[in-house]
Protein backbone atom coordinates (compact mmCIF):
# COMPACT_ATOMS: atom_id res chain seq x y z
CA ARG A 1 -55.76 35.66 -2.02
CA ARG A 2 -57.66 37.80 -4.54
CA CYS A 3 -54.64 37.83 -6.86
CA VAL A 4 -54.52 34.01 -6.77
CA GLN A 5 -58.23 33.79 -7.64
CA GLU A 6 -57.77 36.16 -10.59
CA THR A 7 -54.79 34.14 -11.85
CA VAL A 8 -56.72 30.88 -11.56
CA SER A 9 -59.73 32.35 -13.38
CA ARG A 10 -57.44 33.64 -16.20
CA LEU A 11 -55.86 30.18 -16.52
CA ILE A 12 -59.29 28.56 -16.68
CA MET A 13 -60.36 31.02 -19.38
CA LYS A 14 -57.21 30.27 -21.40
CA ALA A 15 -57.77 26.52 -21.01
CA ASN A 16 -61.36 26.90 -22.24
CA ASP A 17 -60.14 28.96 -25.21
CA VAL A 18 -57.62 26.24 -26.13
CA GLN A 19 -60.34 23.59 -25.84
CA GLU A 20 -62.66 25.55 -28.14
CA ARG A 21 -59.94 26.14 -30.74
CA THR A 22 -58.74 22.53 -30.82
CA LYS A 23 -62.33 21.29 -31.09
CA ARG A 24 -62.96 23.71 -33.99
CA ILE A 25 -59.83 22.46 -35.81
CA ALA A 26 -60.68 18.80 -35.15
CA ASP A 27 -64.22 19.25 -36.49
CA HIS A 28 -62.97 20.53 -39.86
CA ASP A 29 -64.08 18.25 -42.71
CA SER A 30 -60.57 17.19 -43.73
CA VAL A 31 -59.07 16.71 -40.23
CA LYS A 32 -58.88 13.16 -38.88
CA TRP A 33 -57.45 14.08 -35.47
CA LEU A 34 -55.16 16.43 -33.64
CA VAL A 35 -52.82 15.97 -30.70
CA ILE A 36 -51.11 18.47 -28.43
CA ALA A 37 -47.88 17.19 -26.87
CA ASP A 38 -45.06 18.66 -24.85
CA GLY A 39 -41.35 18.35 -25.55
CA SER A 40 -41.01 15.22 -23.44
CA GLU A 41 -43.53 13.42 -25.72
CA LYS A 42 -46.29 13.55 -23.12
CA ILE A 43 -49.68 13.73 -24.85
CA LEU A 44 -51.64 16.58 -23.28
CA GLN A 45 -54.78 16.54 -25.42
CA THR A 46 -56.28 14.49 -28.22
CA GLU A 47 -59.24 15.48 -30.39
CA VAL A 48 -60.70 13.03 -32.91
CA ASN A 49 -63.08 14.05 -35.69
CA GLN A 50 -66.04 11.77 -34.98
CA LYS A 51 -67.59 12.32 -38.44
CA ILE A 52 -64.49 10.91 -40.14
CA LEU A 53 -64.13 8.19 -37.52
CA LEU A 54 -67.69 6.96 -38.11
CA ALA A 55 -67.42 7.23 -41.91
CA GLY A 56 -63.90 5.75 -41.95
CA GLU A 57 -62.56 3.34 -44.47
CA LYS A 58 -62.26 -0.34 -43.67
CA GLY A 59 -58.79 -1.63 -42.87
CA LYS A 60 -57.72 1.56 -41.13
CA GLU A 61 -58.97 0.75 -37.63
CA ASP A 62 -55.48 0.91 -36.09
CA GLU A 63 -54.98 4.43 -37.40
CA LYS A 64 -58.36 5.56 -36.07
CA LYS A 65 -57.88 3.97 -32.64
CA GLN A 66 -54.30 5.04 -32.01
CA PRO A 67 -53.70 8.70 -32.87
CA ASN A 68 -51.47 9.07 -29.79
CA ILE A 69 -49.09 6.34 -30.98
CA ILE A 70 -48.92 7.77 -34.49
CA ALA A 71 -48.46 11.28 -33.05
CA LYS A 72 -45.42 10.12 -31.05
CA HIS A 73 -43.77 8.90 -34.27
CA VAL A 74 -44.52 12.20 -36.02
CA LEU A 75 -43.26 14.03 -32.93
CA ASN A 76 -39.92 12.20 -33.23
CA ILE A 77 -39.64 13.35 -36.86
CA ALA A 78 -40.44 16.93 -35.80
CA LYS A 79 -37.80 16.84 -33.04
CA LYS A 80 -35.17 15.60 -35.51
CA ALA A 81 -36.17 18.30 -37.99
CA ARG A 82 -35.94 20.91 -35.23
CA SER A 83 -32.47 19.77 -34.21
CA THR A 84 -31.37 19.80 -37.88
CA VAL A 85 -32.60 23.39 -38.29
CA LYS A 86 -30.83 24.39 -35.06
CA GLU A 87 -27.62 22.67 -36.20
CA LEU A 88 -27.66 24.56 -39.50
CA ASP A 89 -28.32 27.89 -37.80
CA PRO A 90 -28.37 28.08 -33.97
CA THR A 91 -30.38 31.32 -34.08
CA ASN A 92 -33.18 29.69 -36.08
CA ASP A 93 -35.96 27.32 -34.99
CA LEU A 94 -38.48 25.05 -36.66
CA THR A 95 -41.95 26.60 -36.70
CA PHE A 96 -43.89 24.30 -39.02
CA LEU A 97 -43.38 20.88 -40.59
CA ARG A 98 -45.51 19.00 -43.10
CA VAL A 99 -45.18 15.28 -43.83
CA LYS A 100 -47.39 13.99 -46.62
CA SER A 101 -48.08 10.46 -47.80
CA GLN A 102 -50.79 8.95 -49.97
CA SER A 103 -53.12 8.33 -47.04
CA ASN A 104 -52.04 10.94 -44.46
CA ASP A 105 -51.06 14.56 -44.33
CA PHE A 106 -49.39 15.46 -41.01
CA MET A 107 -48.87 19.09 -40.08
CA VAL A 108 -46.84 19.98 -37.02
CA ALA A 109 -46.83 23.47 -35.53
CA THR A 110 -44.11 23.95 -32.95
CA ASP A 111 -43.78 26.25 -30.00
CA LYS A 112 -41.00 26.57 -27.45
CA ASP A 113 -42.37 23.73 -25.30
CA TYR A 114 -45.35 22.33 -27.21
CA PHE A 115 -46.25 20.62 -30.48
CA LEU A 116 -49.61 20.68 -32.27
CA ILE A 117 -49.90 17.68 -34.59
CA VAL A 118 -52.81 17.56 -37.05
CA ASN A 119 -53.57 14.59 -39.30
CA GLN A 120 -55.77 15.43 -42.24
CA ILE A 121 -56.99 13.64 -45.34
CA PRO A 122 -54.62 14.52 -48.19
CA GLN A 123 -55.97 16.48 -51.14
CA LYS A 124 -56.73 14.52 -54.26
CA SER A 125 -54.16 15.12 -56.97
CA GLU A 126 -56.64 16.98 -59.18
CA ASP A 127 -57.43 19.35 -56.26
CA ALA A 128 -53.81 19.91 -55.31
CA PRO A 129 -51.96 22.96 -56.57
CA LYS A 130 -49.92 22.30 -59.69
CA SER A 131 -46.18 22.02 -59.36
CA GLN A 132 -44.04 24.26 -61.50
CA PHE A 133 -41.61 21.41 -62.18
CA PHE A 134 -44.10 18.55 -62.46
CA PRO A 135 -47.35 19.99 -63.84
CA ASN A 136 -49.13 16.64 -63.67
CA ASN A 137 -48.07 16.17 -60.01
CA SER A 138 -46.35 13.00 -61.11
CA PHE A 139 -42.61 12.53 -61.25
CA LYS A 140 -43.10 9.32 -63.19
CA SER A 141 -45.01 10.97 -66.05
CA LYS A 142 -42.42 13.75 -66.30
CA LYS A 143 -39.60 11.18 -66.29
CA LEU A 144 -41.30 9.26 -69.11
CA SER A 145 -41.72 12.39 -71.19
CA LEU A 146 -38.02 13.14 -70.79
CA ILE A 147 -37.14 9.66 -71.98
CA HIS A 148 -39.29 10.02 -75.10
CA ILE A 149 -37.67 13.31 -76.14
């Protein structure tokens, strides 16, 4: 009986630690929301950055209201990426995936049975690190300079 109580108290402490860490990540200035899901696409936890939600842009209400739906789509991409990595090398596994668009920057950290999906505001192009191949962070401008040569 004492062993069971100790195990339960350790599990509660771990759960509290996970809650604190996810809350700390979600409260970061650039994070819109985060979702923890299992391999069967069941959403286990969702944290939304209330500062960004309240200061959100107009026309993006669906994105702010439905992080779980968006996370399931990103989770499907991560699962396909994981199976591709496994197919290329069965001894390897996907550990991190980043999907970036103009309005979203999704980062997926994978574990054996769980996925942590974070949606953050993408960096502005002037803040982003410069590419070695496209110093202006623009394929179009590089393509135009090649045409003019």
